[in-house]
Amino acid sequence: ISRMTDSIPRPCDIPSTPPPTTDEDRRLQVMNQPPAAHDPYRYVEVRGRVTEIVQGSVAREHIDACAQRYFGRDYDAGQITSERAILRITPDRVLRRGV
């Protein structure tokens, strides 16, 4: 998860997380907890609405950029078995606990 302007992009693959359509409820919650925290009371929670769904090469470049940031290399192409997408979430509420 990273931050883009006033929205938060959430990378996903289409079969495991089908993007909401315009007819469906576009509310979404994302929670992130630092892996080394070992403290259930340290987290960031974002609740908002999906305002844009980005697919194709832009989504692939985003996951590579995230992998470069955290692992120092591109995301392993062999692990990608489906189309990538980015759900851009415009936050309605951000809750921080201990971070």
Protein backbone atom coordinates (compact mmCIF):
# COMPACT_ATOMS: atom_id res chain seq x y z
CA ILE A 1 0.00 0.00 0.00
CA SER A 2 1.29 3.44 -0.85
CA ARG A 3 -0.19 6.91 -1.14
CA MET A 4 -1.05 8.76 -4.37
CA THR A 5 -2.25 12.36 -4.09
CA ASP A 6 -5.55 12.24 -2.17
CA SER A 7 -6.22 8.53 -2.66
CA ILE A 8 -4.67 5.31 -1.40
CA PRO A 9 -3.93 2.64 -4.02
CA ARG A 10 -4.57 -0.94 -2.97
CA PRO A 11 -2.95 -3.45 -5.34
CA CYS A 12 -4.85 -6.69 -5.92
CA ASP A 13 -5.34 -9.42 -8.47
CA ILE A 14 -8.72 -9.72 -10.15
CA PRO A 15 -9.76 -13.31 -9.26
CA SER A 16 -8.99 -13.06 -5.53
CA THR A 17 -10.36 -9.54 -5.07
CA PRO A 18 -12.93 -8.72 -7.73
CA PRO A 19 -13.21 -4.97 -8.15
CA PRO A 20 -16.58 -3.47 -7.30
CA THR A 21 -18.74 -2.40 -10.20
CA THR A 22 -20.66 0.84 -10.40
CA ASP A 23 -23.83 -0.96 -9.30
CA GLU A 24 -22.26 -2.40 -6.15
CA ASP A 25 -21.34 -0.88 -2.83
CA ARG A 26 -17.89 0.70 -3.29
CA ARG A 27 -17.04 1.01 0.40
CA LEU A 28 -13.77 -0.62 1.40
CA GLN A 29 -11.68 -0.98 4.54
CA VAL A 30 -7.91 -1.51 4.55
CA MET A 31 -5.97 -2.27 7.72
CA ASN A 32 -2.19 -2.34 7.98
CA GLN A 33 -0.18 -3.49 10.98
CA PRO A 34 3.61 -3.22 11.18
CA PRO A 35 4.96 -6.80 10.91
CA ALA A 36 7.52 -6.36 13.67
CA ALA A 37 5.06 -4.75 16.07
CA HIS A 38 3.63 -7.94 17.64
CA ASP A 39 1.13 -5.59 19.20
CA PRO A 40 -2.51 -5.86 18.17
CA TYR A 41 -3.07 -2.26 19.24
CA ARG A 42 -0.60 -0.79 16.66
CA TYR A 43 -2.29 -0.36 13.29
CA VAL A 44 -3.61 2.03 10.69
CA GLU A 45 -7.15 1.56 9.40
CA VAL A 46 -8.54 3.38 6.36
CA ARG A 47 -12.21 3.32 5.46
CA GLY A 48 -13.34 4.88 2.25
CA ARG A 49 -14.75 4.39 -1.23
CA VAL A 50 -13.20 2.98 -4.37
CA THR A 51 -13.06 5.97 -6.71
CA GLU A 52 -11.04 4.43 -9.52
CA ILE A 53 -9.96 1.00 -10.75
CA VAL A 54 -6.68 0.96 -12.68
CA GLN A 55 -5.67 -2.14 -14.65
CA GLY A 56 -3.03 -3.13 -17.18
CA SER A 57 0.58 -1.99 -17.31
CA VAL A 58 0.06 0.81 -14.77
CA ALA A 59 -1.04 -1.73 -12.15
CA ARG A 60 1.93 -3.96 -12.95
CA GLU A 61 4.37 -1.02 -12.67
CA HIS A 62 2.89 -0.14 -9.27
CA ILE A 63 3.42 -3.63 -7.83
CA ASP A 64 7.00 -3.61 -9.18
CA ALA A 65 7.61 -0.22 -7.51
CA CYS A 66 6.29 -1.55 -4.19
CA ALA A 67 8.47 -4.67 -4.49
CA GLN A 68 11.51 -2.50 -5.28
CA ARG A 69 10.84 -0.42 -2.17
CA TYR A 70 10.49 -3.37 0.20
CA PHE A 71 12.63 -6.12 -1.38
CA GLY A 72 15.02 -4.28 -3.70
CA ARG A 73 13.80 -6.13 -6.81
CA ASP A 74 10.80 -6.35 -9.13
CA TYR A 75 7.87 -8.57 -8.22
CA ASP A 76 8.45 -12.13 -9.43
CA ALA A 77 6.56 -12.43 -12.74
CA GLY A 78 6.17 -16.18 -12.14
CA GLN A 79 3.92 -15.48 -9.16
CA ILE A 80 1.51 -13.37 -11.19
CA THR A 81 -1.12 -15.71 -12.56
CA SER A 82 -3.91 -13.22 -13.13
CA GLU A 83 -4.52 -9.63 -14.13
CA ARG A 84 -3.37 -6.99 -11.66
CA ALA A 85 -5.49 -4.03 -10.60
CA ILE A 86 -5.22 -1.03 -8.32
CA LEU A 87 -8.26 0.03 -6.34
CA ARG A 88 -7.84 3.73 -5.56
CA ILE A 89 -9.53 4.46 -2.26
CA THR A 90 -10.56 7.97 -1.25
CA PRO A 91 -10.53 7.91 2.55
CA ASP A 92 -13.61 8.82 4.55
CA ARG A 93 -11.95 7.92 7.85
CA VAL A 94 -8.38 7.17 8.94
CA LEU A 95 -7.77 5.63 12.34
CA ARG A 96 -4.26 5.32 13.81
CA ARG A 97 -3.46 3.35 16.93
CA GLY A 98 0.06 3.44 18.33
CA VAL A 99 1.75 4.47 15.06
